Amino acid sequence: MSNISRQTVHAYLVKTASSEPTYLRAREIATDLDASPKAVAQYLSQLQDDLVDVSLEQWSRSKSTTWRLEVNES
């Protein structure tokens, strides 16, 4: 598996976001980016408060955390 950067995860979120909520898990993103789910989860937590263009919210925790993603309304 390749190394992944915070910018890569951010770009993925922006590309994936739409006006309708999308629900994601770190392992799904990691599969798409050929990265470690643990690294992706760490970046998601960090990016949650830093994103301007999209809204990222920790939605639920069952076996793993689900994230709610959508474009911010301006």
N, C-alpha and C. Protein backbone atom coordinates (compact mmCIF):
# COMPACT_ATOMS: atom_id res chain seq x y z
N MET A 1 0.84 -1.18 0.00
CA MET A 1 0.00 0.00 0.00
C MET A 1 0.88 1.24 0.00
N SER A 2 0.41 2.22 -0.70
CA SER A 2 1.19 3.44 -0.82
C SER A 2 0.93 4.37 0.35
N ASN A 3 1.84 5.32 0.52
CA ASN A 3 1.62 6.36 1.51
C ASN A 3 0.52 7.27 1.01
N ILE A 4 -0.18 7.89 1.93
CA ILE A 4 -1.28 8.77 1.56
C ILE A 4 -1.09 10.09 2.29
N SER A 5 -1.52 11.17 1.67
CA SER A 5 -1.38 12.47 2.30
C SER A 5 -2.75 13.03 2.66
N ARG A 6 -2.72 13.99 3.53
CA ARG A 6 -3.94 14.69 3.94
C ARG A 6 -4.60 15.36 2.72
N GLN A 7 -3.77 15.91 1.83
CA GLN A 7 -4.29 16.57 0.63
C GLN A 7 -5.00 15.58 -0.29
N THR A 8 -4.51 14.35 -0.34
CA THR A 8 -5.14 13.32 -1.17
C THR A 8 -6.53 13.00 -0.64
N VAL A 9 -6.65 12.86 0.67
CA VAL A 9 -7.95 12.58 1.27
C VAL A 9 -8.89 13.76 1.07
N HIS A 10 -8.37 14.97 1.23
CA HIS A 10 -9.18 16.17 1.03
C HIS A 10 -9.70 16.21 -0.41
N ALA A 11 -8.84 15.98 -1.37
CA ALA A 11 -9.23 16.00 -2.78
C ALA A 11 -10.30 14.94 -3.07
N TYR A 12 -10.15 13.78 -2.47
CA TYR A 12 -11.13 12.70 -2.64
C TYR A 12 -12.49 13.14 -2.11
N LEU A 13 -12.51 13.77 -0.94
CA LEU A 13 -13.76 14.22 -0.33
C LEU A 13 -14.45 15.26 -1.21
N VAL A 14 -13.68 16.22 -1.71
CA VAL A 14 -14.24 17.27 -2.56
C VAL A 14 -14.82 16.66 -3.84
N LYS A 15 -14.10 15.72 -4.41
CA LYS A 15 -14.54 15.06 -5.65
C LYS A 15 -15.81 14.23 -5.42
N THR A 16 -15.92 13.62 -4.26
CA THR A 16 -17.02 12.71 -3.96
C THR A 16 -18.28 13.43 -3.47
N ALA A 17 -18.11 14.58 -2.87
CA ALA A 17 -19.24 15.30 -2.26
C ALA A 17 -20.26 15.75 -3.29
N SER A 18 -21.51 15.76 -2.88
CA SER A 18 -22.59 16.29 -3.72
C SER A 18 -23.57 17.03 -2.82
N SER A 19 -24.60 17.58 -3.42
CA SER A 19 -25.58 18.33 -2.62
C SER A 19 -26.42 17.40 -1.75
N GLU A 20 -26.49 16.14 -2.13
CA GLU A 20 -27.15 15.13 -1.30
C GLU A 20 -26.11 14.47 -0.40
N PRO A 21 -26.46 14.18 0.84
CA PRO A 21 -25.49 13.54 1.74
C PRO A 21 -24.99 12.20 1.20
N THR A 22 -23.71 11.98 1.38
CA THR A 22 -23.06 10.72 1.04
C THR A 22 -22.49 10.16 2.33
N TYR A 23 -22.63 8.88 2.53
CA TYR A 23 -22.14 8.24 3.75
C TYR A 23 -20.97 7.34 3.39
N LEU A 24 -19.85 7.57 4.07
CA LEU A 24 -18.60 6.87 3.75
C LEU A 24 -17.98 6.27 5.01
N ARG A 25 -17.14 5.31 4.80
CA ARG A 25 -16.32 4.74 5.87
C ARG A 25 -14.87 4.80 5.41
N ALA A 26 -13.98 4.89 6.36
CA ALA A 26 -12.56 5.02 6.04
C ALA A 26 -12.07 3.86 5.18
N ARG A 27 -12.54 2.67 5.45
CA ARG A 27 -12.06 1.52 4.67
C ARG A 27 -12.47 1.61 3.21
N GLU A 28 -13.65 2.20 2.92
CA GLU A 28 -14.08 2.37 1.53
C GLU A 28 -13.19 3.39 0.81
N ILE A 29 -12.89 4.47 1.49
CA ILE A 29 -12.00 5.50 0.92
C ILE A 29 -10.62 4.91 0.72
N ALA A 30 -10.14 4.17 1.70
CA ALA A 30 -8.82 3.55 1.62
C ALA A 30 -8.72 2.60 0.43
N THR A 31 -9.77 1.85 0.18
CA THR A 31 -9.77 0.95 -0.97
C THR A 31 -9.65 1.74 -2.27
N ASP A 32 -10.41 2.83 -2.38
CA ASP A 32 -10.35 3.66 -3.59
C ASP A 32 -8.99 4.32 -3.78
N LEU A 33 -8.34 4.66 -2.67
CA LEU A 33 -7.06 5.38 -2.74
C LEU A 33 -5.85 4.46 -2.57
N ASP A 34 -6.08 3.17 -2.43
CA ASP A 34 -5.00 2.20 -2.19
C ASP A 34 -4.16 2.63 -0.99
N ALA A 35 -4.83 2.82 0.13
CA ALA A 35 -4.18 3.30 1.35
C ALA A 35 -4.66 2.49 2.55
N SER A 36 -4.11 2.80 3.68
CA SER A 36 -4.48 2.15 4.92
C SER A 36 -5.74 2.79 5.50
N PRO A 37 -6.74 1.98 5.89
CA PRO A 37 -7.94 2.55 6.52
C PRO A 37 -7.62 3.35 7.78
N LYS A 38 -6.63 2.92 8.51
CA LYS A 38 -6.24 3.62 9.74
C LYS A 38 -5.73 5.03 9.42
N ALA A 39 -4.91 5.16 8.39
CA ALA A 39 -4.39 6.47 7.99
C ALA A 39 -5.52 7.36 7.49
N VAL A 40 -6.43 6.81 6.69
CA VAL A 40 -7.56 7.58 6.18
C VAL A 40 -8.42 8.06 7.34
N ALA A 41 -8.72 7.19 8.30
CA ALA A 41 -9.55 7.56 9.45
C ALA A 41 -8.91 8.69 10.24
N GLN A 42 -7.62 8.64 10.38
CA GLN A 42 -6.90 9.69 11.10
C GLN A 42 -7.05 11.04 10.37
N TYR A 43 -6.91 11.03 9.06
CA TYR A 43 -7.05 12.26 8.28
C TYR A 43 -8.49 12.77 8.30
N LEU A 44 -9.46 11.87 8.26
CA LEU A 44 -10.86 12.29 8.32
C LEU A 44 -11.14 13.05 9.61
N SER A 45 -10.63 12.55 10.70
CA SER A 45 -10.82 13.23 11.98
C SER A 45 -10.18 14.62 11.97
N GLN A 46 -9.01 14.73 11.38
CA GLN A 46 -8.31 16.01 11.31
C GLN A 46 -9.02 16.98 10.37
N LEU A 47 -9.51 16.49 9.26
CA LEU A 47 -10.12 17.34 8.25
C LEU A 47 -11.52 17.81 8.62
N GLN A 48 -12.14 17.12 9.53
CA GLN A 48 -13.52 17.43 9.90
C GLN A 48 -13.72 18.91 10.22
N ASP A 49 -12.82 19.52 10.95
CA ASP A 49 -12.96 20.93 11.33
C ASP A 49 -12.31 21.89 10.35
N ASP A 50 -11.50 21.39 9.44
CA ASP A 50 -10.73 22.25 8.55
C ASP A 50 -11.37 22.48 7.18
N LEU A 51 -12.34 21.68 6.83
CA LEU A 51 -12.93 21.77 5.49
C LEU A 51 -13.84 22.98 5.38
N VAL A 52 -13.75 23.67 4.25
CA VAL A 52 -14.58 24.84 3.99
C VAL A 52 -15.60 24.52 2.89
N ASP A 53 -15.16 23.84 1.87
CA ASP A 53 -15.98 23.59 0.69
C ASP A 53 -16.98 22.45 0.86
N VAL A 54 -16.69 21.53 1.76
CA VAL A 54 -17.59 20.42 2.03
C VAL A 54 -17.79 20.26 3.53
N SER A 55 -18.87 19.61 3.88
CA SER A 55 -19.19 19.36 5.28
C SER A 55 -18.93 17.88 5.57
N LEU A 56 -18.14 17.61 6.58
CA LEU A 56 -17.81 16.25 6.99
C LEU A 56 -18.18 16.10 8.45
N GLU A 57 -19.04 15.15 8.73
CA GLU A 57 -19.56 14.98 10.08
C GLU A 57 -19.49 13.50 10.48
N GLN A 58 -19.00 13.26 11.67
CA GLN A 58 -19.00 11.89 12.18
C GLN A 58 -20.45 11.53 12.44
N TRP A 59 -20.95 10.53 11.74
CA TRP A 59 -22.37 10.25 11.73
C TRP A 59 -22.75 9.14 12.70
N SER A 60 -22.09 8.03 12.67
CA SER A 60 -22.43 6.94 13.58
C SER A 60 -21.21 6.07 13.81
N ARG A 61 -21.28 5.33 14.90
CA ARG A 61 -20.21 4.39 15.23
C ARG A 61 -20.85 3.06 15.56
N SER A 62 -20.74 2.13 14.68
CA SER A 62 -21.17 0.78 14.98
C SER A 62 -19.90 -0.05 15.05
N LYS A 63 -19.61 -0.80 14.04
CA LYS A 63 -18.34 -1.51 14.00
C LYS A 63 -17.21 -0.57 13.61
N SER A 64 -17.55 0.40 12.76
CA SER A 64 -16.58 1.43 12.38
C SER A 64 -17.35 2.74 12.19
N THR A 65 -16.63 3.83 12.18
CA THR A 65 -17.26 5.13 12.07
C THR A 65 -17.75 5.38 10.65
N THR A 66 -18.96 5.89 10.56
CA THR A 66 -19.52 6.32 9.29
C THR A 66 -19.47 7.84 9.27
N TRP A 67 -19.06 8.39 8.14
CA TRP A 67 -18.95 9.84 7.97
C TRP A 67 -19.99 10.31 6.98
N ARG A 68 -20.63 11.42 7.31
CA ARG A 68 -21.63 12.06 6.43
C ARG A 68 -20.93 13.20 5.71
N LEU A 69 -21.01 13.19 4.39
CA LEU A 69 -20.30 14.15 3.54
C LEU A 69 -21.29 14.82 2.60
N GLU A 70 -21.23 16.16 2.50
CA GLU A 70 -22.01 16.86 1.50
C GLU A 70 -21.39 18.23 1.24
N VAL A 71 -21.75 18.81 0.10
CA VAL A 71 -21.26 20.13 -0.28
C VAL A 71 -21.90 21.16 0.65
N ASN A 72 -21.10 22.11 1.12
CA ASN A 72 -21.64 23.20 1.94
C ASN A 72 -22.51 24.10 1.09
N GLU A 73 -23.63 24.50 1.64
CA GLU A 73 -24.50 25.48 0.97
C GLU A 73 -23.93 26.86 1.19
N SER A 74 -23.76 27.62 0.12
CA SER A 74 -23.21 28.97 0.25
C SER A 74 -24.25 30.02 0.02
